[in-house]
C-alpha atoms as a PDB file:
ATOM      1  CA  MET A   1       0.000   0.000   0.000  1.00  0.00           C
ATOM      2  CA  SER A   2       1.386   3.409  -0.960  1.00  0.00           C
ATOM      3  CA  ASN A   3       2.238   6.170   1.489  1.00  0.00           C
ATOM      4  CA  THR A   4      -0.495   8.238  -0.134  1.00  0.00           C
ATOM      5  CA  GLU A   5      -3.084   5.617   0.764  1.00  0.00           C
ATOM      6  CA  ASN A   6      -1.713   5.597   4.311  1.00  0.00           C
ATOM      7  CA  GLY A   7      -1.556   9.391   4.431  1.00  0.00           C
ATOM      8  CA  PHE A   8      -2.731  11.143   7.539  1.00  0.00           C
ATOM      9  CA  PHE A   9      -5.653  13.528   7.211  1.00  0.00           C
ATOM     10  CA  THR A  10      -4.872  17.239   7.383  1.00  0.00           C
ATOM     11  CA  GLU A  11      -6.886  20.280   6.462  1.00  0.00           C
ATOM     12  CA  ALA A  12      -4.491  21.077   3.624  1.00  0.00           C
ATOM     13  CA  THR A  13      -4.428  17.567   2.117  1.00  0.00           C
ATOM     14  CA  SER A  14      -7.956  16.413   2.984  1.00  0.00           C
ATOM     15  CA  ALA A  15      -9.243  15.826  -0.558  1.00  0.00           C
ATOM     16  CA  GLU A  16      -6.097  14.074  -1.765  1.00  0.00           C
ATOM     17  CA  VAL A  17      -6.038  11.744   1.240  1.00  0.00           C
ATOM     18  CA  VAL A  18      -9.709  10.753   0.832  1.00  0.00           C
ATOM     19  CA  ILE A  19      -9.364  10.268  -2.942  1.00  0.00           C
ATOM     20  CA  SER A  20      -6.290   8.078  -2.480  1.00  0.00           C
ATOM     21  CA  ARG A  21      -8.237   5.697  -0.229  1.00  0.00           C
ATOM     22  CA  ASN A  22     -10.503   4.945  -3.222  1.00  0.00           C
ATOM     23  CA  SER A  23      -7.614   3.816  -5.449  1.00  0.00           C
ATOM     24  CA  LYS A  24      -8.758   0.191  -5.458  1.00  0.00           C
ATOM     25  CA  ALA A  25     -12.308   0.924  -6.590  1.00  0.00           C
ATOM     26  CA  ARG A  26     -13.580  -1.842  -8.877  1.00  0.00           C
ATOM     27  CA  ASP A  27     -15.248   0.617 -11.240  1.00  0.00           C
ATOM     28  CA  ALA A  28     -12.936   3.182 -12.833  1.00  0.00           C
ATOM     29  CA  ARG A  29     -15.819   5.522 -13.669  1.00  0.00           C
ATOM     30  CA  LEU A  30     -17.007   5.444 -10.053  1.00  0.00           C
ATOM     31  CA  ALA A  31     -13.507   6.312  -8.856  1.00  0.00           C
ATOM     32  CA  GLU A  32     -13.333   9.190 -11.346  1.00  0.00           C
ATOM     33  CA  VAL A  33     -16.736  10.559 -10.358  1.00  0.00           C
ATOM     34  CA  MET A  34     -16.043  10.298  -6.633  1.00  0.00           C
ATOM     35  CA  ALA A  35     -12.663  12.024  -7.021  1.00  0.00           C
ATOM     36  CA  VAL A  36     -14.306  15.020  -8.693  1.00  0.00           C
ATOM     37  CA  ILE A  37     -17.112  15.179  -6.106  1.00  0.00           C
ATOM     38  CA  ILE A  38     -14.690  14.881  -3.177  1.00  0.00           C
ATOM     39  CA  ARG A  39     -12.363  17.514  -4.600  1.00  0.00           C
ATOM     40  CA  HIS A  40     -15.155  20.052  -5.123  1.00  0.00           C
ATOM     41  CA  LEU A  41     -16.943  19.213  -1.875  1.00  0.00           C
ATOM     42  CA  HIS A  42     -13.804  19.682   0.199  1.00  0.00           C
ATOM     43  CA  ALA A  43     -13.020  22.925  -1.637  1.00  0.00           C
ATOM     44  CA  ALA A  44     -16.520  24.199  -0.864  1.00  0.00           C
ATOM     45  CA  VAL A  45     -16.225  23.303   2.827  1.00  0.00           C
ATOM     46  CA  LYS A  46     -12.868  25.065   3.036  1.00  0.00           C
ATOM     47  CA  GLU A  47     -14.290  28.177   1.394  1.00  0.00           C
ATOM     48  CA  ILE A  48     -17.450  28.246   3.512  1.00  0.00           C
ATOM     49  CA  GLU A  49     -15.828  27.178   6.792  1.00  0.00           C
ATOM     50  CA  PRO A  50     -19.128  26.037   8.320  1.00  0.00           C
ATOM     51  CA  THR A  51     -19.583  25.799  12.042  1.00  0.00           C
ATOM     52  CA  GLU A  52     -20.348  22.356  13.390  1.00  0.00           C
ATOM     53  CA  ALA A  53     -23.917  23.516  14.048  1.00  0.00           C
ATOM     54  CA  GLU A  54     -24.273  24.652  10.423  1.00  0.00           C
ATOM     55  CA  TRP A  55     -22.951  21.342   9.120  1.00  0.00           C
ATOM     56  CA  PHE A  56     -25.358  19.425  11.334  1.00  0.00           C
ATOM     57  CA  GLU A  57     -28.192  21.589   9.957  1.00  0.00           C
ATOM     58  CA  ALA A  58     -27.129  20.584   6.442  1.00  0.00           C
ATOM     59  CA  ILE A  59     -27.261  16.918   7.483  1.00  0.00           C
ATOM     60  CA  ARG A  60     -30.736  17.467   8.941  1.00  0.00           C
ATOM     61  CA  PHE A  61     -31.863  19.059   5.663  1.00  0.00           C
ATOM     62  CA  LEU A  62     -30.652  16.066   3.624  1.00  0.00           C
ATOM     63  CA  THR A  63     -32.277  13.679   6.102  1.00  0.00           C
ATOM     64  CA  ALA A  64     -35.603  15.526   5.839  1.00  0.00           C
ATOM     65  CA  THR A  65     -35.293  15.468   2.038  1.00  0.00           C
ATOM     66  CA  GLY A  66     -34.905  11.695   2.120  1.00  0.00           C
ATOM     67  CA  HIS A  67     -37.863  11.290   4.460  1.00  0.00           C
ATOM     68  CA  MET A  68     -40.024  13.228   1.979  1.00  0.00           C
ATOM     69  CA  CYS A  69     -39.385  10.695  -0.797  1.00  0.00           C
ATOM     70  CA  ASN A  70     -41.911   7.947  -1.538  1.00  0.00           C
ATOM     71  CA  ASP A  71     -43.429   6.109  -4.524  1.00  0.00           C
ATOM     72  CA  TRP A  72     -45.162   9.305  -5.666  1.00  0.00           C
ATOM     73  CA  ARG A  73     -42.663  11.996  -4.795  1.00  0.00           C
ATOM     74  CA  GLN A  74     -38.900  12.362  -5.225  1.00  0.00           C
ATOM     75  CA  GLU A  75     -37.705  15.307  -3.164  1.00  0.00           C
ATOM     76  CA  PHE A  76     -34.094  14.795  -4.265  1.00  0.00           C
ATOM     77  CA  ILE A  77     -35.108  15.272  -7.913  1.00  0.00           C
ATOM     78  CA  LEU A  78     -36.896  18.432  -6.818  1.00  0.00           C
ATOM     79  CA  LEU A  79     -33.694  19.572  -5.105  1.00  0.00           C
ATOM     80  CA  SER A  80     -31.744  18.828  -8.276  1.00  0.00           C
ATOM     81  CA  ASP A  81     -34.327  20.835 -10.246  1.00  0.00           C
ATOM     82  CA  VAL A  82     -34.225  23.989  -8.131  1.00  0.00           C
ATOM     83  CA  LEU A  83     -30.413  23.989  -8.070  1.00  0.00           C
ATOM     84  CA  GLY A  84     -30.335  23.884 -11.875  1.00  0.00           C
ATOM     85  CA  VAL A  85     -28.571  20.514 -11.914  1.00  0.00           C
ATOM     86  CA  SER A  86     -31.396  18.693 -13.732  1.00  0.00           C
ATOM     87  CA  MET A  87     -31.294  21.233 -16.552  1.00  0.00           C
ATOM     88  CA  LEU A  88     -27.498  21.077 -16.710  1.00  0.00           C
ATOM     89  CA  VAL A  89     -27.547  17.273 -17.018  1.00  0.00           C
ATOM     90  CA  ASP A  90     -30.232  17.607 -19.707  1.00  0.00           C
ATOM     91  CA  ALA A  91     -28.123  20.151 -21.620  1.00  0.00           C
ATOM     92  CA  ILE A  92     -25.001  17.962 -21.469  1.00  0.00           C
ATOM     93  CA  ASN A  93     -26.876  14.904 -22.698  1.00  0.00           C
ATOM     94  CA  ASN A  94     -28.868  16.681 -25.400  1.00  0.00           C
ATOM     95  CA  ARG A  95     -26.392  18.878 -27.238  1.00  0.00           C
ATOM     96  CA  LYS A  96     -27.952  19.755 -30.584  1.00  0.00           C
ATOM     97  CA  PRO A  97     -26.494  20.733 -33.953  1.00  0.00           C
ATOM     98  CA  SER A  98     -27.045  24.283 -35.162  1.00  0.00           C
ATOM     99  CA  GLY A  99     -30.678  24.890 -36.086  1.00  0.00           C
ATOM    100  CA  ALA A 100     -32.165  21.986 -34.151  1.00  0.00           C
ATOM    101  CA  SER A 101     -34.841  22.633 -31.524  1.00  0.00           C
ATOM    102  CA  GLU A 102     -33.592  22.655 -27.952  1.00  0.00           C
ATOM    103  CA  SER A 103     -34.624  20.231 -25.237  1.00  0.00           C
ATOM    104  CA  THR A 104     -35.738  20.804 -21.674  1.00  0.00           C
ATOM    105  CA  VAL A 105     -36.644  18.604 -18.697  1.00  0.00           C
ATOM    106  CA  LEU A 106     -39.349  15.931 -18.989  1.00  0.00           C
ATOM    107  CA  GLY A 107     -41.152  16.778 -15.763  1.00  0.00           C
ATOM    108  CA  PRO A 108     -42.988  14.329 -13.480  1.00  0.00           C
ATOM    109  CA  PHE A 109     -46.431  14.249 -15.137  1.00  0.00           C
ATOM    110  CA  HIS A 110     -45.898  12.382 -18.407  1.00  0.00           C
ATOM    111  CA  VAL A 111     -48.219   9.402 -18.979  1.00  0.00           C
ATOM    112  CA  ALA A 112     -46.856   6.742 -21.325  1.00  0.00           C
ATOM    113  CA  ASP A 113     -50.145   5.409 -22.700  1.00  0.00           C
ATOM    114  CA  ALA A 114     -51.961   8.578 -23.769  1.00  0.00           C
ATOM    115  CA  PRO A 115     -54.442   7.924 -26.599  1.00  0.00           C
ATOM    116  CA  GLU A 116     -53.481   8.459 -30.232  1.00  0.00           C
ATOM    117  CA  LEU A 117     -55.870  10.981 -31.782  1.00  0.00           C
ATOM    118  CA  PRO A 118     -56.689  12.221 -35.274  1.00  0.00           C
ATOM    119  CA  MET A 119     -54.822  15.364 -36.238  1.00  0.00           C
ATOM    120  CA  GLY A 120     -56.718  18.456 -35.131  1.00  0.00           C
ATOM    121  CA  ALA A 121     -58.488  16.757 -32.210  1.00  0.00           C
ATOM    122  CA  ASP A 122     -59.303  18.638 -29.021  1.00  0.00           C
ATOM    123  CA  ILE A 123     -57.304  17.245 -26.087  1.00  0.00           C
ATOM    124  CA  CYS A 124     -59.427  19.176 -23.573  1.00  0.00           C
ATOM    125  CA  LEU A 125     -62.075  16.681 -22.489  1.00  0.00           C
ATOM    126  CA  ASP A 126     -63.890  18.804 -19.917  1.00  0.00           C
ATOM    127  CA  GLN A 127     -64.050  21.976 -22.047  1.00  0.00           C
ATOM    128  CA  LYS A 128     -62.930  24.173 -19.172  1.00  0.00           C
ATOM    129  CA  GLY A 129     -60.727  27.192 -19.785  1.00  0.00           C
ATOM    130  CA  ASP A 130     -59.920  29.499 -22.686  1.00  0.00           C
ATOM    131  CA  PRO A 131     -59.741  27.537 -25.957  1.00  0.00           C
ATOM    132  CA  MET A 132     -56.433  27.308 -27.768  1.00  0.00           C
ATOM    133  CA  LEU A 133     -55.259  26.136 -31.184  1.00  0.00           C
ATOM    134  CA  VAL A 134     -51.650  24.954 -31.444  1.00  0.00           C
ATOM    135  CA  ARG A 135     -50.047  24.360 -34.835  1.00  0.00           C
ATOM    136  CA  GLY A 136     -46.735  24.135 -36.623  1.00  0.00           C
ATOM    137  CA  THR A 137     -44.487  21.935 -38.731  1.00  0.00           C
ATOM    138  CA  ILE A 138     -41.964  19.244 -37.823  1.00  0.00           C
ATOM    139  CA  ARG A 139     -38.845  19.373 -40.009  1.00  0.00           C
ATOM    140  CA  SER A 140     -35.391  17.872 -40.183  1.00  0.00           C
ATOM    141  CA  THR A 141     -32.284  20.045 -39.942  1.00  0.00           C
ATOM    142  CA  ASP A 142     -31.993  19.789 -43.745  1.00  0.00           C
ATOM    143  CA  GLY A 143     -35.391  21.470 -44.109  1.00  0.00           C
ATOM    144  CA  ARG A 144     -37.433  18.398 -45.055  1.00  0.00           C
ATOM    145  CA  PRO A 145     -40.902  18.129 -43.496  1.00  0.00           C
ATOM    146  CA  LEU A 146     -41.082  14.910 -41.487  1.00  0.00           C
ATOM    147  CA  ALA A 147     -43.979  12.630 -42.339  1.00  0.00           C
ATOM    148  CA  GLY A 148     -45.126  10.166 -39.681  1.00  0.00           C
ATOM    149  CA  ALA A 149     -43.472  12.064 -36.847  1.00  0.00           C
ATOM    150  CA  LYS A 150     -44.994  11.140 -33.486  1.00  0.00           C
ATOM    151  CA  ILE A 151     -46.059  14.044 -31.287  1.00  0.00           C
ATOM    152  CA  ASP A 152     -46.839  13.244 -27.652  1.00  0.00           C
ATOM    153  CA  VAL A 153     -48.258  16.372 -26.004  1.00  0.00           C
ATOM    154  CA  TRP A 154     -49.601  17.135 -22.535  1.00  0.00           C
ATOM    155  CA  GLN A 155     -50.355  20.216 -20.473  1.00  0.00           C
ATOM    156  CA  ALA A 156     -51.789  21.578 -17.239  1.00  0.00           C
ATOM    157  CA  ASN A 157     -55.296  22.998 -17.246  1.00  0.00           C
ATOM    158  CA  ASP A 158     -56.386  26.596 -16.774  1.00  0.00           C
ATOM    159  CA  GLU A 159     -55.924  26.216 -13.006  1.00  0.00           C
ATOM    160  CA  GLY A 160     -52.384  24.844 -13.239  1.00  0.00           C
ATOM    161  CA  PHE A 161     -53.172  21.163 -12.562  1.00  0.00           C
ATOM    162  CA  TYR A 162     -52.510  18.014 -14.589  1.00  0.00           C
ATOM    163  CA  ASP A 163     -55.141  15.292 -14.802  1.00  0.00           C
ATOM    164  CA  VAL A 164     -53.077  12.919 -12.627  1.00  0.00           C
ATOM    165  CA  GLN A 165     -53.130  15.532  -9.854  1.00  0.00           C
ATOM    166  CA  GLN A 166     -56.928  15.750  -9.886  1.00  0.00           C
ATOM    167  CA  LYS A 167     -58.253  12.215 -10.135  1.00  0.00           C
ATOM    168  CA  GLY A 168     -62.031  12.342 -10.031  1.00  0.00           C
ATOM    169  CA  ILE A 169     -62.051  16.036 -10.910  1.00  0.00           C
ATOM    170  CA  GLN A 170     -60.451  16.003 -14.355  1.00  0.00           C
ATOM    171  CA  PRO A 171     -61.228  13.141 -16.768  1.00  0.00           C
ATOM    172  CA  ASP A 172     -58.460  10.599 -17.295  1.00  0.00           C
ATOM    173  CA  PHE A 173     -56.150  11.661 -20.146  1.00  0.00           C
ATOM    174  CA  ASN A 174     -57.498  15.188 -20.047  1.00  0.00           C
ATOM    175  CA  LEU A 175     -55.191  17.522 -21.964  1.00  0.00           C
ATOM    176  CA  ARG A 176     -53.064  14.682 -23.355  1.00  0.00           C
ATOM    177  CA  GLY A 177     -52.782  13.219 -26.810  1.00  0.00           C
ATOM    178  CA  VAL A 178     -50.557  11.592 -29.383  1.00  0.00           C
ATOM    179  CA  PHE A 179     -50.594  12.737 -33.013  1.00  0.00           C
ATOM    180  CA  ARG A 180     -48.740  11.744 -36.187  1.00  0.00           C
ATOM    181  CA  THR A 181     -47.853  14.137 -38.965  1.00  0.00           C
ATOM    182  CA  GLY A 182     -48.840  13.692 -42.608  1.00  0.00           C
ATOM    183  CA  VAL A 183     -46.564  14.076 -45.615  1.00  0.00           C
ATOM    184  CA  ASP A 184     -46.327  17.839 -45.096  1.00  0.00           C
ATOM    185  CA  GLY A 185     -44.995  17.458 -41.542  1.00  0.00           C
ATOM    186  CA  ARG A 186     -47.702  19.727 -40.177  1.00  0.00           C
ATOM    187  CA  TYR A 187     -49.392  19.279 -36.813  1.00  0.00           C
ATOM    188  CA  TRP A 188     -52.305  20.999 -35.124  1.00  0.00           C
ATOM    189  CA  PHE A 189     -54.516  20.300 -32.138  1.00  0.00           C
ATOM    190  CA  LYS A 190     -56.842  22.102 -29.752  1.00  0.00           C
ATOM    191  CA  GLY A 191     -56.422  22.548 -26.009  1.00  0.00           C
ATOM    192  CA  VAL A 192     -56.842  25.290 -23.411  1.00  0.00           C
ATOM    193  CA  LYS A 193     -54.502  28.088 -22.456  1.00  0.00           C
ATOM    194  CA  PRO A 194     -52.373  26.660 -19.621  1.00  0.00           C
ATOM    195  CA  LYS A 195     -51.567  28.468 -16.405  1.00  0.00           C
ATOM    196  CA  PHE A 196     -48.414  28.772 -14.316  1.00  0.00           C
ATOM    197  CA  TYR A 197     -48.232  26.459 -11.309  1.00  0.00           C
ATOM    198  CA  PRO A 198     -46.018  25.790  -8.272  1.00  0.00           C
ATOM    199  CA  ILE A 199     -43.719  22.838  -7.844  1.00  0.00           C
ATOM    200  CA  PRO A 200     -44.365  21.015  -4.536  1.00  0.00           C
ATOM    201  CA  ASP A 201     -43.199  23.434  -1.851  1.00  0.00           C
ATOM    202  CA  ASP A 202     -44.496  21.806   1.331  1.00  0.00           C
ATOM    203  CA  GLY A 203     -41.224  19.975   2.040  1.00  0.00           C
ATOM    204  CA  PRO A 204     -37.597  20.841   2.783  1.00  0.00           C
ATOM    205  CA  VAL A 205     -36.934  22.028  -0.778  1.00  0.00           C
ATOM    206  CA  GLY A 206     -39.846  24.464  -0.526  1.00  0.00           C
ATOM    207  CA  LYS A 207     -38.485  25.751   2.778  1.00  0.00           C
ATOM    208  CA  LEU A 208     -35.080  26.212   1.147  1.00  0.00           C
ATOM    209  CA  LEU A 209     -36.628  28.238  -1.688  1.00  0.00           C
ATOM    210  CA  ALA A 210     -38.447  30.446   0.803  1.00  0.00           C
ATOM    211  CA  ALA A 211     -35.258  30.980   2.805  1.00  0.00           C
ATOM    212  CA  LEU A 212     -33.501  32.002  -0.421  1.00  0.00           C
ATOM    213  CA  GLY A 213     -36.269  34.459  -1.299  1.00  0.00           C
ATOM    214  CA  ARG A 214     -37.324  32.397  -4.330  1.00  0.00           C
ATOM    215  CA  HIS A 215     -40.820  31.472  -5.503  1.00  0.00           C
ATOM    216  CA  PRO A 216     -41.811  27.880  -6.459  1.00  0.00           C
ATOM    217  CA  TYR A 217     -43.569  28.664  -9.760  1.00  0.00           C
ATOM    218  CA  ARG A 218     -43.141  27.317 -13.270  1.00  0.00           C
ATOM    219  CA  PRO A 219     -44.404  29.539 -16.122  1.00  0.00           C
ATOM    220  CA  ALA A 220     -47.241  28.295 -18.340  1.00  0.00           C
ATOM    221  CA  HIS A 221     -46.082  25.753 -20.918  1.00  0.00           C
ATOM    222  CA  LEU A 222     -46.941  22.795 -23.127  1.00  0.00           C
ATOM    223  CA  HIS A 223     -44.939  19.563 -23.027  1.00  0.00           C
ATOM    224  CA  TYR A 224     -43.787  17.684 -26.128  1.00  0.00           C
ATOM    225  CA  ILE A 225     -42.007  14.449 -26.926  1.00  0.00           C
ATOM    226  CA  LEU A 226     -41.214  14.306 -30.638  1.00  0.00           C
ATOM    227  CA  GLU A 227     -39.997  11.207 -32.455  1.00  0.00           C
ATOM    228  CA  ALA A 228     -39.296  10.561 -36.138  1.00  0.00           C
ATOM    229  CA  ALA A 229     -37.428   7.788 -37.942  1.00  0.00           C
ATOM    230  CA  GLY A 230     -33.751   8.608 -38.423  1.00  0.00           C
ATOM    231  CA  HIS A 231     -33.857  11.484 -35.957  1.00  0.00           C
ATOM    232  CA  ASP A 232     -33.038  12.020 -32.296  1.00  0.00           C
ATOM    233  CA  ARG A 233     -35.931  11.998 -29.848  1.00  0.00           C
ATOM    234  CA  LEU A 234     -36.730  15.474 -28.540  1.00  0.00           C
ATOM    235  CA  VAL A 235     -38.199  16.161 -25.088  1.00  0.00           C
ATOM    236  CA  THR A 236     -39.118  19.811 -24.784  1.00  0.00           C
ATOM    237  CA  HIS A 237     -41.686  22.489 -23.860  1.00  0.00           C
ATOM    238  CA  ILE A 238     -42.987  25.657 -25.400  1.00  0.00           C
ATOM    239  CA  PHE A 239     -43.606  28.612 -23.084  1.00  0.00           C
ATOM    240  CA  ASP A 240     -45.839  31.667 -22.919  1.00  0.00           C
ATOM    241  CA  PRO A 241     -43.440  34.657 -23.093  1.00  0.00           C
ATOM    242  CA  ASP A 242     -45.991  36.884 -21.347  1.00  0.00           C
ATOM    243  CA  ASP A 243     -46.237  34.674 -18.274  1.00  0.00           C
ATOM    244  CA  PRO A 244     -45.334  36.510 -15.032  1.00  0.00           C
ATOM    245  CA  TYR A 245     -42.757  33.813 -14.181  1.00  0.00           C
ATOM    246  CA  ILE A 246     -41.169  33.452 -17.622  1.00  0.00           C
ATOM    247  CA  ALA A 247     -37.818  34.887 -16.487  1.00  0.00           C
ATOM    248  CA  SER A 248     -37.708  33.085 -13.136  1.00  0.00           C
ATOM    249  CA  ASP A 249     -38.782  29.468 -13.712  1.00  0.00           C
ATOM    250  CA  ALA A 250     -38.171  27.637 -10.422  1.00  0.00           C
ATOM    251  CA  VAL A 251     -36.472  24.747 -12.262  1.00  0.00           C
ATOM    252  CA  PHE A 252     -34.645  26.813 -14.941  1.00  0.00           C
ATOM    253  CA  GLY A 253     -36.437  25.025 -17.802  1.00  0.00           C
ATOM    254  CA  VAL A 254     -37.045  28.078 -20.007  1.00  0.00           C
ATOM    255  CA  LYS A 255     -34.861  28.642 -23.070  1.00  0.00           C
ATOM    256  CA  GLU A 256     -35.320  31.646 -25.334  1.00  0.00           C
ATOM    257  CA  SER A 257     -35.800  29.465 -28.422  1.00  0.00           C
ATOM    258  CA  LEU A 258     -38.789  27.762 -26.766  1.00  0.00           C
ATOM    259  CA  LEU A 259     -40.873  30.911 -26.379  1.00  0.00           C
ATOM    260  CA  ALA A 260     -44.063  30.760 -28.452  1.00  0.00           C
ATOM    261  CA  LYS A 261     -46.452  33.688 -28.598  1.00  0.00           C
ATOM    262  CA  PHE A 262     -49.999  33.016 -27.368  1.00  0.00           C
ATOM    263  CA  ASP A 263     -52.069  35.367 -29.551  1.00  0.00           C
ATOM    264  CA  LEU A 264     -55.682  36.070 -28.601  1.00  0.00           C
ATOM    265  CA  ILE A 265     -57.846  35.807 -31.737  1.00  0.00           C
ATOM    266  CA  GLU A 266     -61.096  37.754 -31.558  1.00  0.00           C
ATOM    267  CA  ASP A 267     -61.967  38.078 -35.263  1.00  0.00           C
ATOM    268  CA  GLU A 268     -65.306  36.323 -35.810  1.00  0.00           C
ATOM    269  CA  ALA A 269     -64.379  34.855 -39.187  1.00  0.00           C
ATOM    270  CA  ALA A 270     -61.120  33.454 -37.795  1.00  0.00           C
ATOM    271  CA  ILE A 271     -62.989  32.023 -34.801  1.00  0.00           C
ATOM    272  CA  ARG A 272     -65.440  30.194 -37.063  1.00  0.00           C
ATOM    273  CA  ALA A 273     -62.662  28.978 -39.377  1.00  0.00           C
ATOM    274  CA  ALA A 274     -60.837  27.456 -36.404  1.00  0.00           C
ATOM    275  CA  GLY A 275     -63.985  25.661 -35.251  1.00  0.00           C
ATOM    276  CA  PHE A 276     -64.539  27.677 -32.070  1.00  0.00           C
ATOM    277  CA  ASP A 277     -67.576  29.609 -30.864  1.00  0.00           C
ATOM    278  CA  ARG A 278     -65.662  32.236 -28.886  1.00  0.00           C
ATOM    279  CA  PRO A 279     -62.261  33.984 -28.910  1.00  0.00           C
ATOM    280  CA  PHE A 280     -59.298  31.609 -28.722  1.00  0.00           C
ATOM    281  CA  TYR A 281     -55.532  31.637 -28.342  1.00  0.00           C
ATOM    282  CA  LEU A 282     -53.403  30.767 -31.358  1.00  0.00           C
ATOM    283  CA  VAL A 283     -49.970  29.266 -30.728  1.00  0.00           C
ATOM    284  CA  GLU A 284     -47.670  28.609 -33.681  1.00  0.00           C
ATOM    285  CA  HIS A 285     -44.355  26.835 -33.213  1.00  0.00           C
ATOM    286  CA  ASP A 286     -42.202  24.735 -35.535  1.00  0.00           C
ATOM    287  CA  PHE A 287     -39.784  22.043 -34.388  1.00  0.00           C
ATOM    288  CA  ILE A 288     -36.536  21.008 -36.041  1.00  0.00           C
ATOM    289  CA  LEU A 289     -35.275  17.516 -35.216  1.00  0.00           C
ATOM    290  CA  ALA A 290     -31.612  16.582 -35.344  1.00  0.00           C
ATOM    291  CA  GLN A 291     -30.701  13.668 -37.581  1.00  0.00           C
ATOM    292  CA  SER A 292     -29.422  10.595 -35.735  1.00  0.00           C
ATOM    293  CA  ALA A 293     -25.688  10.012 -35.851  1.00  0.00           C
END
C-alpha cells in the first residue's frame, strides 16, 4: 500500500487523502466521479468554513429530504431541479447541432399510454378554460418536413393542474394526446390556455426556496415528446413569453428558443374557421429535429 493511501488527514491535504483511499475501486468511472465530487466538496467546505452547528443543519436538511421521498414523490429530484442541476444534465446529454430545436426537462407528469388521436383533435375533455389552437411543422435540420413524426403532447389545465393531480375532478387523459404528422410534416390540435403552477413546496426544498427568497412557480407551458425515424428523440416544452414567471422558472427550464407567442384571436371569421364559438388563443411553433448520428 502506498504512502499516499496511508496518508494522515490534514486540512491542507484532505481531498487528496480521501481520494487516495478509493484507489482500489472496482469501477474506474465510479472512482473518477467520486474524485471530482470529493475535490469540489472539500473545496466548498474550506471556502465556507461552516460551524459544526451549520454542518449538522445541512445533514438534517438532507435527512428531511430523504424522508419526503416515496413512490409518488422524489424530493431529491426536486432539489436537483431547483439547483439547476437537472437542466445542466439535460443540456449535457442533449447537445444539438445548429438549427435543431432545444430540449428541456421531462417533468414528473408524463403518462406513457396517452391515446393516439386524429390530427386536429381537441385534447381538452372537460371543455374548461380558454380555448387554444396549437399548430406548426416538424422538419429535419436539412429542411425536409417529417412525415409520420410522433407528437406526444400534454399540459396543465387553466388552473395549473394536470389530470393525474386531480383524479375524479379532471377526466383521465385530459389535456393529453398523441398525433402523427402527414406528408407535409404539419401538426395541429386544440387545447386550453395553460396556467403557471407551483412545484411542490411543502417539504424541505420548498423551505429552502423560501429561505432564499425564491418562488416555487413554473411559467405556463406545453410539453412535447417528438420522435421521427432517423432522428433524435426530442423532449421539450414551449412557453408563454408573457407569463409573469417566464424569467424566473423555479427549475430553470425556459430557453429563449422555446418561447411561443400566445395570440388572442377575436376576429369572428377566424374564430369560425378554427372551429370555435368564442375567442381563442393561437400558438404557432415549428420544431426542427436533429438527424441521428
